[in-house]
C-alpha cells in the first residue's frame, strides 16, 4: 500500500469542507458479488464506508447501466 491518505480519506475531507455532514460515501458493487467477496474487498482495502451489494440489478435502479463500471464517479442526490 502507498503511503499517504487513502482515496476514502481524500473524498471525505473534500466533501466535509464543501457540505459538512451532508455527504455520505457508499461503495456500490455493480458486479453483484457475494457478501463473502465484499468482506474480502473490505479486508484488502480497509474501507470503512458502507458497501452496497447488488448495485448492478434492475430492482431500485441499476448503477452499472446508469454509470458504467468505473469507480471514479460520485452520485449526488
N, C-alpha and C. Protein backbone atom coordinates (compact mmCIF):
# COMPACT_ATOMS: atom_id res chain seq x y z
N UNK A 1 0.82 -1.18 0.00
CA UNK A 1 0.00 0.00 0.00
C UNK A 1 0.87 1.25 0.00
N UNK A 2 0.43 2.27 -0.71
CA UNK A 2 1.18 3.51 -0.78
C UNK A 2 0.99 4.31 0.50
N UNK A 3 2.00 5.11 0.82
CA UNK A 3 1.89 5.99 1.98
C UNK A 3 0.98 7.17 1.64
N UNK A 4 0.46 7.81 2.66
CA UNK A 4 -0.38 8.98 2.44
C UNK A 4 -1.84 8.66 2.61
N UNK A 5 -2.69 9.69 2.50
CA UNK A 5 -4.12 9.49 2.72
C UNK A 5 -4.74 8.59 1.65
N UNK A 6 -5.75 7.85 2.06
CA UNK A 6 -6.45 6.98 1.12
C UNK A 6 -7.43 7.80 0.29
N UNK A 7 -7.91 7.20 -0.78
CA UNK A 7 -8.94 7.84 -1.59
C UNK A 7 -10.15 8.15 -0.73
N UNK A 8 -10.51 7.22 0.14
CA UNK A 8 -11.64 7.42 1.04
C UNK A 8 -11.44 8.67 1.91
N UNK A 9 -10.26 8.80 2.48
CA UNK A 9 -9.96 9.97 3.32
C UNK A 9 -10.02 11.25 2.51
N UNK A 10 -9.45 11.24 1.32
CA UNK A 10 -9.46 12.43 0.48
C UNK A 10 -10.88 12.84 0.11
N UNK A 11 -11.72 11.88 -0.26
CA UNK A 11 -13.12 12.20 -0.59
C UNK A 11 -13.85 12.75 0.62
N UNK A 12 -13.68 12.10 1.76
CA UNK A 12 -14.37 12.55 2.97
C UNK A 12 -13.96 13.98 3.31
N UNK A 13 -12.67 14.24 3.29
CA UNK A 13 -12.19 15.58 3.63
C UNK A 13 -12.72 16.63 2.66
N UNK A 14 -12.71 16.32 1.37
CA UNK A 14 -13.19 17.27 0.37
C UNK A 14 -14.67 17.61 0.60
N UNK A 15 -15.50 16.58 0.73
CA UNK A 15 -16.94 16.84 0.86
C UNK A 15 -17.33 17.37 2.23
N UNK A 16 -16.54 17.06 3.25
CA UNK A 16 -16.81 17.67 4.56
C UNK A 16 -16.56 19.18 4.49
N UNK A 17 -15.58 19.59 3.72
CA UNK A 17 -15.30 21.02 3.56
C UNK A 17 -16.37 21.70 2.70
N UNK A 18 -16.87 21.00 1.67
CA UNK A 18 -17.86 21.58 0.76
C UNK A 18 -19.26 21.62 1.34
N UNK A 19 -19.65 20.55 2.00
CA UNK A 19 -21.00 20.42 2.54
C UNK A 19 -20.93 19.61 3.83
N UNK A 20 -20.52 20.23 4.94
CA UNK A 20 -20.32 19.49 6.19
C UNK A 20 -21.55 18.66 6.60
N UNK A 21 -21.29 17.40 6.89
CA UNK A 21 -22.31 16.45 7.38
C UNK A 21 -23.45 16.22 6.40
N UNK A 22 -23.27 16.50 5.12
CA UNK A 22 -24.35 16.32 4.15
C UNK A 22 -24.01 15.33 3.05
N UNK A 23 -22.84 14.71 3.12
CA UNK A 23 -22.43 13.77 2.09
C UNK A 23 -21.98 12.47 2.76
N UNK A 24 -22.43 11.35 2.21
CA UNK A 24 -22.01 10.03 2.70
C UNK A 24 -21.34 9.28 1.56
N UNK A 25 -20.26 8.59 1.85
CA UNK A 25 -19.59 7.75 0.87
C UNK A 25 -20.15 6.34 0.97
N UNK A 26 -20.49 5.78 -0.17
CA UNK A 26 -21.01 4.41 -0.23
C UNK A 26 -20.35 3.71 -1.41
N UNK A 27 -19.83 2.53 -1.18
CA UNK A 27 -19.27 1.73 -2.26
C UNK A 27 -20.37 0.91 -2.90
N UNK A 28 -20.58 1.08 -4.20
CA UNK A 28 -21.64 0.38 -4.92
C UNK A 28 -21.05 -0.77 -5.72
N UNK A 29 -21.47 -1.99 -5.42
CA UNK A 29 -20.98 -3.19 -6.10
C UNK A 29 -21.79 -3.41 -7.37
N UNK A 30 -21.30 -2.90 -8.50
CA UNK A 30 -22.03 -3.05 -9.76
C UNK A 30 -21.79 -4.42 -10.41
N UNK A 31 -20.88 -5.23 -9.84
CA UNK A 31 -20.64 -6.57 -10.37
C UNK A 31 -21.42 -7.64 -9.61
N UNK A 32 -22.20 -7.22 -8.63
CA UNK A 32 -23.09 -8.12 -7.89
C UNK A 32 -22.37 -9.30 -7.26
N UNK A 33 -21.35 -8.99 -6.50
CA UNK A 33 -20.59 -10.02 -5.80
C UNK A 33 -21.35 -10.56 -4.60
N UNK A 34 -20.75 -11.52 -3.96
CA UNK A 34 -21.35 -12.15 -2.79
C UNK A 34 -20.92 -11.39 -1.52
N UNK A 35 -21.64 -11.59 -0.42
CA UNK A 35 -21.18 -10.99 0.84
C UNK A 35 -19.75 -11.39 1.21
N UNK A 36 -19.36 -12.62 0.90
CA UNK A 36 -18.00 -13.07 1.19
C UNK A 36 -16.98 -12.30 0.36
N UNK A 37 -17.30 -12.03 -0.90
CA UNK A 37 -16.40 -11.25 -1.75
C UNK A 37 -16.27 -9.82 -1.23
N UNK A 38 -17.38 -9.26 -0.75
CA UNK A 38 -17.34 -7.91 -0.17
C UNK A 38 -16.48 -7.89 1.09
N UNK A 39 -16.61 -8.91 1.91
CA UNK A 39 -15.81 -8.98 3.13
C UNK A 39 -14.32 -9.03 2.76
N UNK A 40 -13.99 -9.78 1.73
CA UNK A 40 -12.60 -9.85 1.27
C UNK A 40 -12.13 -8.49 0.74
N UNK A 41 -12.99 -7.82 -0.02
CA UNK A 41 -12.67 -6.48 -0.53
C UNK A 41 -12.42 -5.52 0.63
N UNK A 42 -13.31 -5.54 1.63
CA UNK A 42 -13.16 -4.66 2.79
C UNK A 42 -11.84 -4.97 3.52
N UNK A 43 -11.54 -6.23 3.67
CA UNK A 43 -10.32 -6.64 4.35
C UNK A 43 -9.08 -6.18 3.59
N UNK A 44 -9.08 -6.34 2.27
CA UNK A 44 -7.92 -5.97 1.46
C UNK A 44 -7.73 -4.47 1.35
N UNK A 45 -8.81 -3.70 1.30
CA UNK A 45 -8.70 -2.26 1.08
C UNK A 45 -8.75 -1.45 2.36
N UNK A 46 -9.38 -1.98 3.41
CA UNK A 46 -9.51 -1.25 4.66
C UNK A 46 -10.59 -0.18 4.64
N UNK A 47 -11.49 -0.21 3.64
CA UNK A 47 -12.53 0.81 3.58
C UNK A 47 -13.43 0.72 4.81
N UNK A 48 -13.95 1.87 5.21
CA UNK A 48 -14.85 1.91 6.35
C UNK A 48 -16.23 2.42 5.97
N UNK A 49 -16.39 2.92 4.74
CA UNK A 49 -17.70 3.39 4.32
C UNK A 49 -18.60 2.21 3.98
N UNK A 50 -19.93 2.42 3.99
CA UNK A 50 -20.85 1.32 3.70
C UNK A 50 -20.65 0.78 2.28
N UNK A 51 -20.86 -0.51 2.12
CA UNK A 51 -20.77 -1.15 0.82
C UNK A 51 -22.15 -1.66 0.42
N UNK A 52 -22.60 -1.25 -0.75
CA UNK A 52 -23.93 -1.58 -1.24
C UNK A 52 -23.86 -2.80 -2.15
N UNK A 53 -24.42 -3.91 -1.70
CA UNK A 53 -24.46 -5.13 -2.51
C UNK A 53 -25.47 -5.00 -3.65
N UNK A 54 -25.23 -5.70 -4.73
CA UNK A 54 -26.16 -5.82 -5.85
C UNK A 54 -26.59 -4.49 -6.44
N UNK A 55 -25.65 -3.59 -6.65
CA UNK A 55 -25.97 -2.29 -7.24
C UNK A 55 -26.12 -2.37 -8.76
N UNK A 56 -25.85 -3.53 -9.33
CA UNK A 56 -25.99 -3.71 -10.77
C UNK A 56 -27.22 -4.50 -11.16
N UNK A 57 -28.27 -4.43 -10.36
CA UNK A 57 -29.52 -5.11 -10.70
C UNK A 57 -30.61 -4.07 -10.95
N UNK A 58 -31.67 -4.48 -11.63
CA UNK A 58 -32.72 -3.53 -12.01
C UNK A 58 -33.60 -3.08 -10.85
N UNK A 59 -33.69 -3.89 -9.79
CA UNK A 59 -34.53 -3.52 -8.66
C UNK A 59 -33.98 -2.25 -8.02
N UNK A 60 -34.75 -1.19 -8.05
CA UNK A 60 -34.32 0.07 -7.44
C UNK A 60 -33.35 0.88 -8.28
N UNK A 61 -33.06 0.45 -9.48
CA UNK A 61 -32.13 1.17 -10.35
C UNK A 61 -30.83 0.42 -10.50
N UNK A 62 -30.31 0.39 -11.69
CA UNK A 62 -29.09 -0.36 -11.99
C UNK A 62 -27.95 0.62 -12.19
N UNK A 63 -27.06 0.73 -11.20
CA UNK A 63 -25.95 1.68 -11.30
C UNK A 63 -24.98 1.31 -12.41
N UNK A 64 -24.86 0.02 -12.74
CA UNK A 64 -23.98 -0.38 -13.83
C UNK A 64 -24.47 0.21 -15.14
N UNK A 65 -25.77 0.12 -15.40
CA UNK A 65 -26.35 0.68 -16.62
C UNK A 65 -26.25 2.20 -16.62
N UNK A 66 -26.57 2.81 -15.49
CA UNK A 66 -26.60 4.28 -15.42
C UNK A 66 -25.22 4.92 -15.42
N UNK A 67 -24.24 4.30 -14.78
CA UNK A 67 -22.94 4.95 -14.58
C UNK A 67 -21.74 4.15 -15.07
N UNK A 68 -21.94 3.01 -15.68
CA UNK A 68 -20.91 2.09 -16.17
C UNK A 68 -20.14 1.45 -15.01
N UNK A 69 -19.06 0.76 -15.33
CA UNK A 69 -18.34 0.00 -14.30
C UNK A 69 -17.10 0.74 -13.78
N UNK A 70 -17.06 2.03 -13.89
CA UNK A 70 -15.93 2.81 -13.39
C UNK A 70 -16.18 3.19 -11.94
N UNK A 71 -15.12 3.30 -11.17
CA UNK A 71 -15.26 3.66 -9.76
C UNK A 71 -14.79 5.08 -9.48
N UNK A 72 -14.79 5.91 -10.51
CA UNK A 72 -14.29 7.28 -10.35
C UNK A 72 -15.41 8.31 -10.51
N UNK A 73 -16.57 8.04 -9.96
CA UNK A 73 -17.67 8.98 -10.02
C UNK A 73 -18.32 9.11 -8.66
N UNK A 74 -19.02 10.21 -8.49
CA UNK A 74 -19.77 10.47 -7.26
C UNK A 74 -21.19 10.79 -7.67
N UNK A 75 -22.15 10.13 -7.07
CA UNK A 75 -23.56 10.39 -7.35
C UNK A 75 -24.10 11.23 -6.21
N UNK A 76 -24.63 12.39 -6.53
CA UNK A 76 -25.21 13.28 -5.53
C UNK A 76 -26.70 13.30 -5.70
N UNK A 77 -27.41 13.18 -4.61
CA UNK A 77 -28.87 13.18 -4.67
C UNK A 77 -29.41 14.17 -3.68
